[in-house]
Amino acid sequence: MKLILLVTTILLSAGICYAQLPKDAKTASDSVMITIFLKHQQDKNLKTIQEIQEKNKFLEMFPPKEARVVSWYVMMGIGQVVTVKIPARDLRALNLTIENGAWGAYTTEFYPTYDFVPVWQNALKSKK
Protein backbone atom coordinates (compact mmCIF):
# COMPACT_ATOMS: atom_id res chain seq x y z
CA MET A 1 0.00 0.00 0.00
CA LYS A 2 2.82 2.41 0.88
CA LEU A 3 4.51 1.61 -2.42
CA ILE A 4 1.34 2.42 -4.35
CA LEU A 5 1.00 5.71 -2.48
CA LEU A 6 4.65 6.59 -3.15
CA VAL A 7 4.42 5.79 -6.86
CA THR A 8 1.17 7.75 -7.18
CA THR A 9 2.71 10.72 -5.38
CA ILE A 10 5.78 10.69 -7.63
CA LEU A 11 3.67 10.49 -10.79
CA LEU A 12 1.42 13.33 -9.64
CA SER A 13 4.47 15.37 -8.67
CA ALA A 14 5.87 14.94 -12.17
CA GLY A 15 2.78 16.55 -13.65
CA ILE A 16 2.84 19.39 -11.15
CA CYS A 17 6.55 19.94 -11.75
CA TYR A 18 6.02 20.08 -15.50
CA ALA A 19 3.37 22.76 -15.10
CA GLN A 20 5.75 24.94 -13.08
CA LEU A 21 8.65 24.91 -15.54
CA PRO A 22 9.05 28.16 -17.46
CA LYS A 23 8.85 27.58 -21.21
CA ASP A 24 12.18 29.26 -21.79
CA ALA A 25 14.04 27.32 -19.10
CA LYS A 26 17.49 26.49 -20.37
CA THR A 27 19.51 23.76 -18.71
CA ALA A 28 22.57 21.81 -19.69
CA SER A 29 21.87 18.77 -21.82
CA ASP A 30 23.63 16.60 -19.24
CA SER A 31 21.32 17.79 -16.44
CA VAL A 32 19.43 15.33 -14.29
CA MET A 33 16.39 15.82 -12.12
CA ILE A 34 16.58 14.52 -8.58
CA THR A 35 13.69 14.39 -6.13
CA ILE A 36 14.76 14.61 -2.51
CA PHE A 37 12.54 13.54 0.36
CA LEU A 38 13.39 15.46 3.53
CA LYS A 39 11.44 13.24 5.91
CA HIS A 40 10.56 14.70 9.28
CA GLN A 41 12.10 12.76 12.12
CA GLN A 42 9.06 12.00 14.24
CA ASP A 43 10.99 12.26 17.51
CA LYS A 44 11.58 15.99 16.84
CA ASN A 45 9.07 18.80 16.82
CA LEU A 46 9.15 21.61 14.26
CA LYS A 47 11.07 23.98 16.54
CA THR A 48 13.82 21.40 17.07
CA ILE A 49 14.05 20.70 13.33
CA GLN A 50 14.34 24.43 12.61
CA GLU A 51 17.06 24.82 15.26
CA ILE A 52 19.07 22.00 13.68
CA GLN A 53 18.61 23.59 10.24
CA GLU A 54 19.89 26.92 11.57
CA LYS A 55 22.85 25.31 13.32
CA ASN A 56 23.76 23.42 10.12
CA LYS A 57 23.15 26.53 7.96
CA PHE A 58 20.91 24.41 5.75
CA LEU A 59 19.04 27.25 4.05
CA GLU A 60 22.32 29.05 3.32
CA MET A 61 23.77 26.06 1.46
CA PHE A 62 20.70 24.42 -0.09
CA PRO A 63 20.09 24.31 -2.92
CA PRO A 64 23.66 24.49 -4.21
CA LYS A 65 24.26 27.25 -6.76
CA GLU A 66 24.57 24.64 -9.53
CA ALA A 67 20.99 23.43 -8.98
CA ARG A 68 17.67 24.88 -10.10
CA VAL A 69 14.65 24.14 -7.90
CA VAL A 70 11.86 22.69 -10.04
CA SER A 71 9.45 22.25 -7.13
CA TRP A 72 9.45 22.34 -3.33
CA TYR A 73 6.43 21.06 -1.46
CA VAL A 74 5.47 20.09 2.04
CA MET A 75 3.86 16.67 1.98
CA MET A 76 1.86 16.20 5.16
CA GLY A 77 2.90 13.09 7.02
CA ILE A 78 6.19 12.86 5.10
CA GLY A 79 8.03 16.18 5.26
CA GLN A 80 9.41 18.23 2.40
CA VAL A 81 9.77 17.02 -1.18
CA VAL A 82 12.20 18.97 -3.35
CA THR A 83 12.89 18.35 -7.02
CA VAL A 84 16.00 19.97 -8.47
CA LYS A 85 17.60 19.97 -11.89
CA ILE A 86 21.37 19.87 -11.77
CA PRO A 87 24.21 19.11 -14.19
CA ALA A 88 25.30 15.51 -13.66
CA ARG A 89 28.86 16.64 -12.91
CA ASP A 90 27.54 18.62 -9.89
CA LEU A 91 25.65 15.76 -8.26
CA ARG A 92 28.31 15.51 -5.55
CA ALA A 93 27.73 19.16 -4.58
CA LEU A 94 24.03 18.41 -4.13
CA ASN A 95 24.79 15.36 -2.01
CA LEU A 96 27.19 17.32 0.21
CA THR A 97 24.67 20.11 0.86
CA ILE A 98 22.19 17.51 2.08
CA GLU A 99 24.76 15.64 4.17
CA ASN A 100 26.09 18.83 5.77
CA GLY A 101 22.84 20.75 6.09
CA ALA A 102 19.89 18.38 6.42
CA TRP A 103 21.24 15.42 8.34
CA GLY A 104 20.17 15.54 11.97
CA ALA A 105 16.96 17.36 11.10
CA TYR A 106 15.70 15.02 8.39
CA THR A 107 15.99 11.50 7.13
CA THR A 108 16.77 11.88 3.43
CA GLU A 109 15.98 9.90 0.31
CA PHE A 110 17.04 10.64 -3.28
CA TYR A 111 15.20 9.55 -6.42
CA PRO A 112 16.22 10.10 -10.04
CA THR A 113 13.24 11.79 -11.67
CA TYR A 114 12.05 12.48 -15.18
CA ASP A 115 9.25 14.41 -16.79
CA PHE A 116 6.45 11.94 -17.54
CA VAL A 117 4.01 14.47 -19.03
CA PRO A 118 5.33 14.19 -22.63
CA VAL A 119 5.14 10.38 -22.42
CA TRP A 120 1.58 10.58 -21.12
CA GLN A 121 0.57 13.11 -23.79
CA ASN A 122 2.03 10.92 -26.55
CA ALA A 123 0.13 7.92 -25.19
CA LEU A 124 -3.11 9.93 -25.28
CA LYS A 125 -2.43 11.07 -28.85
CA SER A 126 -1.75 7.53 -30.02
CA LYS A 127 -5.12 6.37 -28.66
CA LYS A 128 -7.01 8.87 -30.83
C-alpha atoms as a PDB file:
ATOM      1  CA  MET A   1       0.000   0.000   0.000  1.00  0.00           C
ATOM      2  CA  LYS A   2       2.822   2.409   0.883  1.00  0.00           C
ATOM      3  CA  LEU A   3       4.513   1.609  -2.422  1.00  0.00           C
ATOM      4  CA  ILE A   4       1.343   2.419  -4.352  1.00  0.00           C
ATOM      5  CA  LEU A   5       1.003   5.714  -2.476  1.00  0.00           C
ATOM      6  CA  LEU A   6       4.647   6.585  -3.146  1.00  0.00           C
ATOM      7  CA  VAL A   7       4.422   5.789  -6.861  1.00  0.00           C
ATOM      8  CA  THR A   8       1.169   7.750  -7.181  1.00  0.00           C
ATOM      9  CA  THR A   9       2.715  10.718  -5.383  1.00  0.00           C
ATOM     10  CA  ILE A  10       5.775  10.692  -7.626  1.00  0.00           C
ATOM     11  CA  LEU A  11       3.673  10.493 -10.788  1.00  0.00           C
ATOM     12  CA  LEU A  12       1.424  13.326  -9.638  1.00  0.00           C
ATOM     13  CA  SER A  13       4.471  15.372  -8.670  1.00  0.00           C
ATOM     14  CA  ALA A  14       5.872  14.940 -12.171  1.00  0.00           C
ATOM     15  CA  GLY A  15       2.778  16.553 -13.647  1.00  0.00           C
ATOM     16  CA  ILE A  16       2.839  19.393 -11.148  1.00  0.00           C
ATOM     17  CA  CYS A  17       6.553  19.936 -11.748  1.00  0.00           C
ATOM     18  CA  TYR A  18       6.022  20.082 -15.503  1.00  0.00           C
ATOM     19  CA  ALA A  19       3.373  22.764 -15.099  1.00  0.00           C
ATOM     20  CA  GLN A  20       5.754  24.939 -13.083  1.00  0.00           C
ATOM     21  CA  LEU A  21       8.650  24.909 -15.540  1.00  0.00           C
ATOM     22  CA  PRO A  22       9.054  28.155 -17.463  1.00  0.00           C
ATOM     23  CA  LYS A  23       8.848  27.582 -21.211  1.00  0.00           C
ATOM     24  CA  ASP A  24      12.183  29.260 -21.794  1.00  0.00           C
ATOM     25  CA  ALA A  25      14.044  27.323 -19.096  1.00  0.00           C
ATOM     26  CA  LYS A  26      17.489  26.486 -20.374  1.00  0.00           C
ATOM     27  CA  THR A  27      19.510  23.764 -18.710  1.00  0.00           C
ATOM     28  CA  ALA A  28      22.569  21.808 -19.692  1.00  0.00           C
ATOM     29  CA  SER A  29      21.875  18.766 -21.817  1.00  0.00           C
ATOM     30  CA  ASP A  30      23.627  16.601 -19.236  1.00  0.00           C
ATOM     31  CA  SER A  31      21.320  17.787 -16.445  1.00  0.00           C
ATOM     32  CA  VAL A  32      19.432  15.333 -14.291  1.00  0.00           C
ATOM     33  CA  MET A  33      16.387  15.816 -12.119  1.00  0.00           C
ATOM     34  CA  ILE A  34      16.583  14.516  -8.584  1.00  0.00           C
ATOM     35  CA  THR A  35      13.690  14.390  -6.134  1.00  0.00           C
ATOM     36  CA  ILE A  36      14.763  14.607  -2.510  1.00  0.00           C
ATOM     37  CA  PHE A  37      12.541  13.542   0.360  1.00  0.00           C
ATOM     38  CA  LEU A  38      13.393  15.458   3.532  1.00  0.00           C
ATOM     39  CA  LYS A  39      11.436  13.244   5.907  1.00  0.00           C
ATOM     40  CA  HIS A  40      10.558  14.701   9.284  1.00  0.00           C
ATOM     41  CA  GLN A  41      12.099  12.760  12.120  1.00  0.00           C
ATOM     42  CA  GLN A  42       9.064  12.003  14.241  1.00  0.00           C
ATOM     43  CA  ASP A  43      10.990  12.261  17.513  1.00  0.00           C
ATOM     44  CA  LYS A  44      11.585  15.985  16.836  1.00  0.00           C
ATOM     45  CA  ASN A  45       9.070  18.802  16.821  1.00  0.00           C
ATOM     46  CA  LEU A  46       9.149  21.611  14.260  1.00  0.00           C
ATOM     47  CA  LYS A  47      11.071  23.981  16.536  1.00  0.00           C
ATOM     48  CA  THR A  48      13.820  21.404  17.070  1.00  0.00           C
ATOM     49  CA  ILE A  49      14.049  20.699  13.326  1.00  0.00           C
ATOM     50  CA  GLN A  50      14.343  24.430  12.607  1.00  0.00           C
ATOM     51  CA  GLU A  51      17.059  24.818  15.264  1.00  0.00           C
ATOM     52  CA  ILE A  52      19.073  22.001  13.676  1.00  0.00           C
ATOM     53  CA  GLN A  53      18.606  23.589  10.240  1.00  0.00           C
ATOM     54  CA  GLU A  54      19.886  26.920  11.567  1.00  0.00           C
ATOM     55  CA  LYS A  55      22.851  25.309  13.320  1.00  0.00           C
ATOM     56  CA  ASN A  56      23.760  23.418  10.124  1.00  0.00           C
ATOM     57  CA  LYS A  57      23.146  26.534   7.960  1.00  0.00           C
ATOM     58  CA  PHE A  58      20.911  24.405   5.747  1.00  0.00           C
ATOM     59  CA  LEU A  59      19.039  27.250   4.054  1.00  0.00           C
ATOM     60  CA  GLU A  60      22.324  29.052   3.325  1.00  0.00           C
ATOM     61  CA  MET A  61      23.774  26.058   1.462  1.00  0.00           C
ATOM     62  CA  PHE A  62      20.702  24.417  -0.089  1.00  0.00           C
ATOM     63  CA  PRO A  63      20.091  24.310  -2.921  1.00  0.00           C
ATOM     64  CA  PRO A  64      23.661  24.485  -4.213  1.00  0.00           C
ATOM     65  CA  LYS A  65      24.261  27.251  -6.761  1.00  0.00           C
ATOM     66  CA  GLU A  66      24.570  24.645  -9.525  1.00  0.00           C
ATOM     67  CA  ALA A  67      20.992  23.431  -8.978  1.00  0.00           C
ATOM     68  CA  ARG A  68      17.674  24.877 -10.096  1.00  0.00           C
ATOM     69  CA  VAL A  69      14.651  24.142  -7.904  1.00  0.00           C
ATOM     70  CA  VAL A  70      11.858  22.686 -10.037  1.00  0.00           C
ATOM     71  CA  SER A  71       9.447  22.254  -7.126  1.00  0.00           C
ATOM     72  CA  TRP A  72       9.454  22.341  -3.335  1.00  0.00           C
ATOM     73  CA  TYR A  73       6.431  21.065  -1.465  1.00  0.00           C
ATOM     74  CA  VAL A  74       5.469  20.092   2.039  1.00  0.00           C
ATOM     75  CA  MET A  75       3.856  16.668   1.984  1.00  0.00           C
ATOM     76  CA  MET A  76       1.857  16.203   5.158  1.00  0.00           C
ATOM     77  CA  GLY A  77       2.895  13.086   7.024  1.00  0.00           C
ATOM     78  CA  ILE A  78       6.186  12.865   5.096  1.00  0.00           C
ATOM     79  CA  GLY A  79       8.033  16.180   5.262  1.00  0.00           C
ATOM     80  CA  GLN A  80       9.405  18.233   2.397  1.00  0.00           C
ATOM     81  CA  VAL A  81       9.767  17.018  -1.178  1.00  0.00           C
ATOM     82  CA  VAL A  82      12.202  18.974  -3.345  1.00  0.00           C
ATOM     83  CA  THR A  83      12.895  18.352  -7.024  1.00  0.00           C
ATOM     84  CA  VAL A  84      15.995  19.972  -8.470  1.00  0.00           C
ATOM     85  CA  LYS A  85      17.601  19.967 -11.891  1.00  0.00           C
ATOM     86  CA  ILE A  86      21.373  19.873 -11.772  1.00  0.00           C
ATOM     87  CA  PRO A  87      24.209  19.115 -14.188  1.00  0.00           C
ATOM     88  CA  ALA A  88      25.304  15.512 -13.662  1.00  0.00           C
ATOM     89  CA  ARG A  89      28.858  16.644 -12.909  1.00  0.00           C
ATOM     90  CA  ASP A  90      27.541  18.619  -9.886  1.00  0.00           C
ATOM     91  CA  LEU A  91      25.649  15.756  -8.258  1.00  0.00           C
ATOM     92  CA  ARG A  92      28.310  15.509  -5.549  1.00  0.00           C
ATOM     93  CA  ALA A  93      27.727  19.156  -4.576  1.00  0.00           C
ATOM     94  CA  LEU A  94      24.027  18.408  -4.132  1.00  0.00           C
ATOM     95  CA  ASN A  95      24.789  15.363  -2.010  1.00  0.00           C
ATOM     96  CA  LEU A  96      27.190  17.324   0.208  1.00  0.00           C
ATOM     97  CA  THR A  97      24.674  20.108   0.858  1.00  0.00           C
ATOM     98  CA  ILE A  98      22.192  17.508   2.083  1.00  0.00           C
ATOM     99  CA  GLU A  99      24.762  15.635   4.170  1.00  0.00           C
ATOM    100  CA  ASN A 100      26.089  18.826   5.767  1.00  0.00           C
ATOM    101  CA  GLY A 101      22.841  20.751   6.086  1.00  0.00           C
ATOM    102  CA  ALA A 102      19.894  18.377   6.419  1.00  0.00           C
ATOM    103  CA  TRP A 103      21.235  15.424   8.342  1.00  0.00           C
ATOM    104  CA  GLY A 104      20.172  15.539  11.969  1.00  0.00           C
ATOM    105  CA  ALA A 105      16.957  17.364  11.104  1.00  0.00           C
ATOM    106  CA  TYR A 106      15.697  15.018   8.386  1.00  0.00           C
ATOM    107  CA  THR A 107      15.989  11.496   7.125  1.00  0.00           C
ATOM    108  CA  THR A 108      16.773  11.884   3.433  1.00  0.00           C
ATOM    109  CA  GLU A 109      15.984   9.895   0.305  1.00  0.00           C
ATOM    110  CA  PHE A 110      17.041  10.636  -3.280  1.00  0.00           C
ATOM    111  CA  TYR A 111      15.198   9.551  -6.421  1.00  0.00           C
ATOM    112  CA  PRO A 112      16.219  10.097 -10.044  1.00  0.00           C
ATOM    113  CA  THR A 113      13.242  11.794 -11.670  1.00  0.00           C
ATOM    114  CA  TYR A 114      12.053  12.478 -15.183  1.00  0.00           C
ATOM    115  CA  ASP A 115       9.247  14.411 -16.788  1.00  0.00           C
ATOM    116  CA  PHE A 116       6.445  11.941 -17.536  1.00  0.00           C
ATOM    117  CA  VAL A 117       4.014  14.466 -19.033  1.00  0.00           C
ATOM    118  CA  PRO A 118       5.330  14.188 -22.635  1.00  0.00           C
ATOM    119  CA  VAL A 119       5.135  10.383 -22.418  1.00  0.00           C
ATOM    120  CA  TRP A 120       1.581  10.576 -21.119  1.00  0.00           C
ATOM    121  CA  GLN A 121       0.570  13.106 -23.786  1.00  0.00           C
ATOM    122  CA  ASN A 122       2.026  10.915 -26.552  1.00  0.00           C
ATOM    123  CA  ALA A 123       0.127   7.921 -25.189  1.00  0.00           C
ATOM    124  CA  LEU A 124      -3.110   9.932 -25.277  1.00  0.00           C
ATOM    125  CA  LYS A 125      -2.432  11.072 -28.853  1.00  0.00           C
ATOM    126  CA  SER A 126      -1.745   7.531 -30.019  1.00  0.00           C
ATOM    127  CA  LYS A 127      -5.121   6.366 -28.658  1.00  0.00           C
ATOM    128  CA  LYS A 128      -7.007   8.869 -30.830  1.00  0.00           C
END
